[in-house]
Amino acid sequence: MAVKIRLARHGAKKRPFYRIVVTDQENPRDGRFLEKVGTYNPLTETAQVDLNAERVKYWLAQGATPTHTVMSLLKKEGLFSNTAQS
């Protein structure tokens, strides 16, 4: 089972709000997930990112691979460095 850290879209039409979730890569985008580790709101003046850093580090240590978008969010928050990249 390959585990990914990715965004799950919620919110109304043209008003996106995302949950940062850990899920099996074969599950649908907004489908079942293992754990919610944060949220991302791109509509605020400065995009708002809330993360549970401890759980993100745990899943990265377990081999979960973040998507490109989540990777850039983690880098901005200081949780993912270029040396940790696989």
N, C-alpha and C. Protein backbone atom coordinates (compact mmCIF):
# COMPACT_ATOMS: atom_id res chain seq x y z
N MET A 1 0.85 -1.18 0.00
CA MET A 1 0.00 0.00 0.00
C MET A 1 0.89 1.24 0.00
N ALA A 2 0.80 2.04 -1.06
CA ALA A 2 1.56 3.28 -1.15
C ALA A 2 0.73 4.39 -0.51
N VAL A 3 1.33 5.09 0.43
CA VAL A 3 0.62 6.13 1.17
C VAL A 3 1.08 7.50 0.67
N LYS A 4 0.11 8.40 0.46
CA LYS A 4 0.39 9.75 0.00
C LYS A 4 -0.17 10.75 0.99
N ILE A 5 0.47 11.91 1.04
CA ILE A 5 -0.07 13.06 1.76
C ILE A 5 -0.54 14.01 0.67
N ARG A 6 -1.85 14.29 0.62
CA ARG A 6 -2.39 15.11 -0.45
C ARG A 6 -3.57 15.95 0.02
N LEU A 7 -4.07 16.76 -0.90
CA LEU A 7 -5.19 17.64 -0.59
C LEU A 7 -6.51 16.97 -0.93
N ALA A 8 -7.52 17.17 -0.09
CA ALA A 8 -8.89 16.74 -0.34
C ALA A 8 -9.74 18.00 -0.37
N ARG A 9 -10.44 18.23 -1.48
CA ARG A 9 -11.17 19.48 -1.65
C ARG A 9 -12.52 19.43 -0.95
N HIS A 10 -12.83 20.52 -0.26
CA HIS A 10 -14.12 20.72 0.38
C HIS A 10 -14.53 22.15 0.11
N GLY A 11 -15.67 22.55 0.59
CA GLY A 11 -16.13 23.91 0.36
C GLY A 11 -17.12 23.98 -0.79
N ALA A 12 -17.67 25.15 -0.99
CA ALA A 12 -18.69 25.34 -2.01
C ALA A 12 -18.06 25.56 -3.39
N LYS A 13 -18.91 25.63 -4.38
CA LYS A 13 -18.47 25.88 -5.74
C LYS A 13 -17.76 27.23 -5.81
N LYS A 14 -16.58 27.24 -6.38
CA LYS A 14 -15.72 28.42 -6.53
C LYS A 14 -15.26 29.00 -5.18
N ARG A 15 -15.39 28.25 -4.11
CA ARG A 15 -14.93 28.66 -2.77
C ARG A 15 -14.17 27.48 -2.15
N PRO A 16 -13.01 27.11 -2.72
CA PRO A 16 -12.34 25.89 -2.26
C PRO A 16 -11.76 26.02 -0.85
N PHE A 17 -11.76 24.92 -0.17
CA PHE A 17 -11.13 24.76 1.14
C PHE A 17 -10.58 23.34 1.13
N TYR A 18 -9.35 23.17 1.53
CA TYR A 18 -8.72 21.86 1.42
C TYR A 18 -8.33 21.31 2.78
N ARG A 19 -8.47 19.99 2.91
CA ARG A 19 -7.92 19.27 4.05
C ARG A 19 -6.65 18.60 3.56
N ILE A 20 -5.62 18.59 4.38
CA ILE A 20 -4.40 17.86 4.06
C ILE A 20 -4.54 16.51 4.74
N VAL A 21 -4.60 15.45 3.92
CA VAL A 21 -4.90 14.13 4.45
C VAL A 21 -3.82 13.12 4.05
N VAL A 22 -3.75 12.05 4.82
CA VAL A 22 -2.88 10.92 4.52
C VAL A 22 -3.81 9.81 4.04
N THR A 23 -3.52 9.28 2.84
CA THR A 23 -4.42 8.29 2.26
C THR A 23 -3.66 7.32 1.37
N ASP A 24 -4.29 6.20 1.06
CA ASP A 24 -3.76 5.26 0.08
C ASP A 24 -3.88 5.93 -1.28
N GLN A 25 -2.88 5.79 -2.12
CA GLN A 25 -2.88 6.52 -3.39
C GLN A 25 -4.00 6.07 -4.34
N GLU A 26 -4.58 4.90 -4.11
CA GLU A 26 -5.65 4.43 -4.98
C GLU A 26 -7.02 4.96 -4.60
N ASN A 27 -7.16 5.57 -3.44
CA ASN A 27 -8.44 6.15 -3.03
C ASN A 27 -8.73 7.41 -3.83
N PRO A 28 -10.01 7.73 -4.06
CA PRO A 28 -10.34 8.96 -4.78
C PRO A 28 -9.92 10.21 -4.00
N ARG A 29 -9.83 11.34 -4.72
CA ARG A 29 -9.35 12.59 -4.12
C ARG A 29 -10.10 12.96 -2.85
N ASP A 30 -11.43 12.90 -2.88
CA ASP A 30 -12.22 13.29 -1.71
C ASP A 30 -12.75 12.07 -0.97
N GLY A 31 -12.17 10.92 -1.21
CA GLY A 31 -12.67 9.68 -0.61
C GLY A 31 -12.08 9.40 0.76
N ARG A 32 -12.01 8.11 1.06
CA ARG A 32 -11.55 7.65 2.36
C ARG A 32 -10.09 8.04 2.61
N PHE A 33 -9.76 8.37 3.84
CA PHE A 33 -8.39 8.70 4.19
C PHE A 33 -8.04 8.10 5.54
N LEU A 34 -6.74 7.99 5.79
CA LEU A 34 -6.26 7.41 7.04
C LEU A 34 -6.28 8.42 8.18
N GLU A 35 -5.85 9.65 7.88
CA GLU A 35 -5.77 10.67 8.92
C GLU A 35 -5.76 12.06 8.31
N LYS A 36 -6.43 13.00 8.97
CA LYS A 36 -6.39 14.40 8.57
C LYS A 36 -5.26 15.05 9.37
N VAL A 37 -4.29 15.64 8.66
CA VAL A 37 -3.14 16.22 9.35
C VAL A 37 -3.09 17.74 9.24
N GLY A 38 -4.05 18.35 8.55
CA GLY A 38 -4.04 19.80 8.46
C GLY A 38 -5.09 20.33 7.51
N THR A 39 -5.10 21.67 7.37
CA THR A 39 -6.02 22.33 6.46
C THR A 39 -5.27 23.39 5.67
N TYR A 40 -5.84 23.76 4.53
CA TYR A 40 -5.25 24.78 3.66
C TYR A 40 -6.39 25.61 3.07
N ASN A 41 -6.35 26.92 3.32
CA ASN A 41 -7.36 27.83 2.80
C ASN A 41 -6.68 28.84 1.89
N PRO A 42 -6.80 28.67 0.56
CA PRO A 42 -6.13 29.57 -0.38
C PRO A 42 -6.85 30.89 -0.58
N LEU A 43 -8.05 31.08 -0.02
CA LEU A 43 -8.85 32.27 -0.29
C LEU A 43 -8.56 33.44 0.63
N THR A 44 -7.85 33.22 1.71
CA THR A 44 -7.53 34.32 2.61
C THR A 44 -6.47 35.21 1.97
N GLU A 45 -6.28 36.40 2.51
CA GLU A 45 -5.30 37.37 1.97
C GLU A 45 -3.93 36.72 1.78
N THR A 46 -3.44 36.08 2.82
CA THR A 46 -2.26 35.22 2.70
C THR A 46 -2.76 33.81 2.97
N ALA A 47 -2.49 32.90 2.08
CA ALA A 47 -3.02 31.54 2.20
C ALA A 47 -2.74 30.98 3.59
N GLN A 48 -3.77 30.47 4.22
CA GLN A 48 -3.68 29.99 5.60
C GLN A 48 -3.46 28.48 5.60
N VAL A 49 -2.39 28.05 6.28
CA VAL A 49 -2.07 26.63 6.39
C VAL A 49 -1.96 26.28 7.87
N ASP A 50 -2.74 25.29 8.29
CA ASP A 50 -2.67 24.77 9.66
C ASP A 50 -2.26 23.31 9.57
N LEU A 51 -1.17 22.96 10.26
CA LEU A 51 -0.66 21.59 10.20
C LEU A 51 -0.42 21.04 11.58
N ASN A 52 -0.61 19.74 11.72
CA ASN A 52 -0.19 19.02 12.91
C ASN A 52 1.21 18.49 12.60
N ALA A 53 2.22 19.29 12.92
CA ALA A 53 3.60 19.01 12.52
C ALA A 53 4.08 17.64 13.00
N GLU A 54 3.69 17.27 14.20
CA GLU A 54 4.13 15.99 14.76
C GLU A 54 3.64 14.82 13.90
N ARG A 55 2.38 14.86 13.49
CA ARG A 55 1.81 13.78 12.68
C ARG A 55 2.37 13.78 11.26
N VAL A 56 2.63 14.97 10.71
CA VAL A 56 3.23 15.05 9.37
C VAL A 56 4.61 14.41 9.39
N LYS A 57 5.41 14.74 10.40
CA LYS A 57 6.75 14.15 10.52
C LYS A 57 6.67 12.64 10.69
N TYR A 58 5.69 12.18 11.46
CA TYR A 58 5.50 10.74 11.65
C TYR A 58 5.24 10.05 10.32
N TRP A 59 4.30 10.58 9.53
CA TRP A 59 3.95 9.95 8.26
C TRP A 59 5.08 10.02 7.27
N LEU A 60 5.84 11.11 7.25
CA LEU A 60 7.00 11.19 6.37
C LEU A 60 8.04 10.14 6.75
N ALA A 61 8.22 9.92 8.06
CA ALA A 61 9.16 8.91 8.53
C ALA A 61 8.69 7.49 8.16
N GLN A 62 7.38 7.30 8.07
CA GLN A 62 6.82 6.00 7.71
C GLN A 62 6.87 5.75 6.20
N GLY A 63 7.28 6.75 5.42
CA GLY A 63 7.43 6.56 3.98
C GLY A 63 6.33 7.17 3.14
N ALA A 64 5.46 7.96 3.72
CA ALA A 64 4.41 8.62 2.94
C ALA A 64 5.05 9.66 2.03
N THR A 65 4.58 9.75 0.80
CA THR A 65 5.13 10.71 -0.15
C THR A 65 4.12 11.83 -0.38
N PRO A 66 4.53 13.07 -0.18
CA PRO A 66 3.62 14.20 -0.41
C PRO A 66 3.51 14.52 -1.90
N THR A 67 2.37 15.03 -2.31
CA THR A 67 2.20 15.50 -3.68
C THR A 67 3.00 16.79 -3.84
N HIS A 68 3.14 17.27 -5.07
CA HIS A 68 3.93 18.48 -5.31
C HIS A 68 3.37 19.68 -4.56
N THR A 69 2.05 19.82 -4.57
CA THR A 69 1.43 20.96 -3.89
C THR A 69 1.65 20.88 -2.38
N VAL A 70 1.44 19.71 -1.82
CA VAL A 70 1.63 19.55 -0.37
C VAL A 70 3.10 19.71 -0.02
N MET A 71 3.99 19.24 -0.89
CA MET A 71 5.42 19.40 -0.64
C MET A 71 5.79 20.89 -0.56
N SER A 72 5.23 21.70 -1.46
CA SER A 72 5.54 23.14 -1.42
C SER A 72 4.97 23.78 -0.15
N LEU A 73 3.79 23.33 0.29
CA LEU A 73 3.22 23.85 1.54
C LEU A 73 4.09 23.46 2.74
N LEU A 74 4.58 22.22 2.74
CA LEU A 74 5.43 21.76 3.84
C LEU A 74 6.75 22.52 3.86
N LYS A 75 7.30 22.80 2.69
CA LYS A 75 8.56 23.57 2.63
C LYS A 75 8.36 24.97 3.17
N LYS A 76 7.23 25.60 2.84
CA LYS A 76 6.94 26.95 3.35
C LYS A 76 6.79 26.95 4.86
N GLU A 77 6.28 25.85 5.40
CA GLU A 77 6.09 25.73 6.86
C GLU A 77 7.36 25.23 7.55
N GLY A 78 8.37 24.83 6.77
CA GLY A 78 9.63 24.38 7.33
C GLY A 78 9.65 22.94 7.80
N LEU A 79 8.73 22.13 7.29
CA LEU A 79 8.64 20.72 7.71
C LEU A 79 9.26 19.77 6.71
N PHE A 80 9.66 20.26 5.55
CA PHE A 80 10.20 19.39 4.51
C PHE A 80 11.39 20.11 3.89
N SER A 81 12.54 19.45 3.93
CA SER A 81 13.73 20.07 3.36
C SER A 81 14.13 19.33 2.10
N ASN A 82 14.98 19.93 1.28
CA ASN A 82 15.43 19.31 0.04
C ASN A 82 16.23 18.05 0.30
N THR A 83 16.89 17.96 1.44
CA THR A 83 17.71 16.78 1.74
C THR A 83 16.83 15.59 2.12
N ALA A 84 15.60 15.82 2.57
CA ALA A 84 14.72 14.73 2.94
C ALA A 84 13.99 14.15 1.74
N GLN A 85 14.17 14.75 0.58
CA GLN A 85 13.48 14.32 -0.62
C GLN A 85 14.00 12.98 -1.09
N SER A 86 13.11 12.11 -1.56
CA SER A 86 13.52 10.79 -2.05
C SER A 86 13.68 10.81 -3.54
